[in-house]
Amino acid sequence: MSDLALRPFNTSGYEILDDGIARGEVVIWSVAPVRPGIGDEMLVESGGRPYDVAIEEIRTFKGGWSAKGRARPA
């Protein structure tokens, strides 16, 4: 039996959840060993537009991390 909601982890090593980007909210999660710090900025593209994302919260889990960030147009 196949579940279409399950998919392999992104080959880049990062998954960006940008459903809330219009409200300035982005979640990034990864299994990469290097994680961002609070206040770090990342450039994220969504809908063909660039956004600066400032990391506000980081959580770790076995094998990876997730980060919440505040997004604004770059």
Protein backbone atom coordinates (compact mmCIF):
# COMPACT_ATOMS: atom_id res chain seq x y z
CA MET A 1 0.00 0.00 0.00
CA SER A 2 1.37 3.43 -0.97
CA ASP A 3 0.95 6.69 0.93
CA LEU A 4 1.36 9.71 -1.36
CA ALA A 5 1.94 11.97 1.66
CA LEU A 6 5.24 10.19 2.35
CA ARG A 7 8.22 11.24 0.28
CA PRO A 8 11.99 10.97 0.56
CA PHE A 9 13.86 13.79 2.27
CA ASN A 10 14.88 16.59 -0.09
CA THR A 11 18.25 15.83 -1.72
CA SER A 12 19.58 19.27 -0.72
CA GLY A 13 19.35 18.19 2.93
CA TYR A 14 16.87 20.97 3.80
CA GLU A 15 13.10 21.24 3.72
CA ILE A 16 11.57 24.73 3.67
CA LEU A 17 7.95 25.05 4.76
CA ASP A 18 6.84 28.40 3.38
CA ASP A 19 3.04 28.17 3.55
CA GLY A 20 3.05 31.09 5.99
CA ILE A 21 5.54 33.29 4.14
CA ALA A 22 2.83 35.89 3.33
CA ARG A 23 2.48 36.31 7.13
CA GLY A 24 6.26 36.41 7.53
CA GLU A 25 6.59 32.86 8.88
CA VAL A 26 8.96 30.17 7.61
CA VAL A 27 10.05 26.82 9.06
CA ILE A 28 13.24 25.15 7.89
CA TRP A 29 14.20 21.65 8.96
CA SER A 30 17.16 19.51 8.13
CA VAL A 31 19.18 16.43 8.93
CA ALA A 32 22.38 18.37 8.19
CA PRO A 33 24.85 18.36 11.10
CA VAL A 34 25.41 22.14 10.92
CA ARG A 35 22.49 24.20 12.21
CA PRO A 36 21.88 27.96 12.18
CA GLY A 37 22.02 30.14 15.26
CA ILE A 38 19.44 32.55 16.64
CA GLY A 39 19.66 35.77 14.59
CA ASP A 40 21.30 34.13 11.57
CA GLU A 41 19.82 35.17 8.24
CA MET A 42 19.10 32.95 5.27
CA LEU A 43 17.95 33.79 1.77
CA VAL A 44 14.86 31.81 0.75
CA GLU A 45 13.05 31.87 -2.59
CA SER A 46 9.28 31.39 -2.59
CA GLY A 47 6.95 31.90 -5.52
CA GLY A 48 9.87 33.23 -7.55
CA ARG A 49 10.58 35.99 -5.01
CA PRO A 50 13.54 36.25 -2.62
CA TYR A 51 13.02 36.64 1.14
CA ASP A 52 15.44 37.28 3.97
CA VAL A 53 14.65 34.93 6.84
CA ALA A 54 15.94 35.75 10.33
CA ILE A 55 16.09 32.69 12.59
CA GLU A 56 14.13 33.20 15.83
CA GLU A 57 13.79 29.69 17.29
CA ILE A 58 15.71 26.41 16.93
CA ARG A 59 14.69 22.94 18.05
CA THR A 60 16.76 19.81 17.81
CA PHE A 61 15.58 16.25 17.39
CA LYS A 62 17.34 12.95 16.94
CA GLY A 63 19.27 13.28 13.71
CA GLY A 64 18.45 16.90 12.87
CA TRP A 65 16.95 20.27 13.69
CA SER A 66 14.15 22.68 12.81
CA ALA A 67 14.17 26.47 12.84
CA LYS A 68 11.39 29.06 12.81
CA GLY A 69 12.18 32.32 11.13
CA ARG A 70 10.69 35.72 10.37
CA ALA A 71 10.60 36.43 6.63
CA ARG A 72 10.63 39.75 4.82
CA PRO A 73 11.05 40.55 1.13
CA ALA A 74 14.73 40.80 0.18
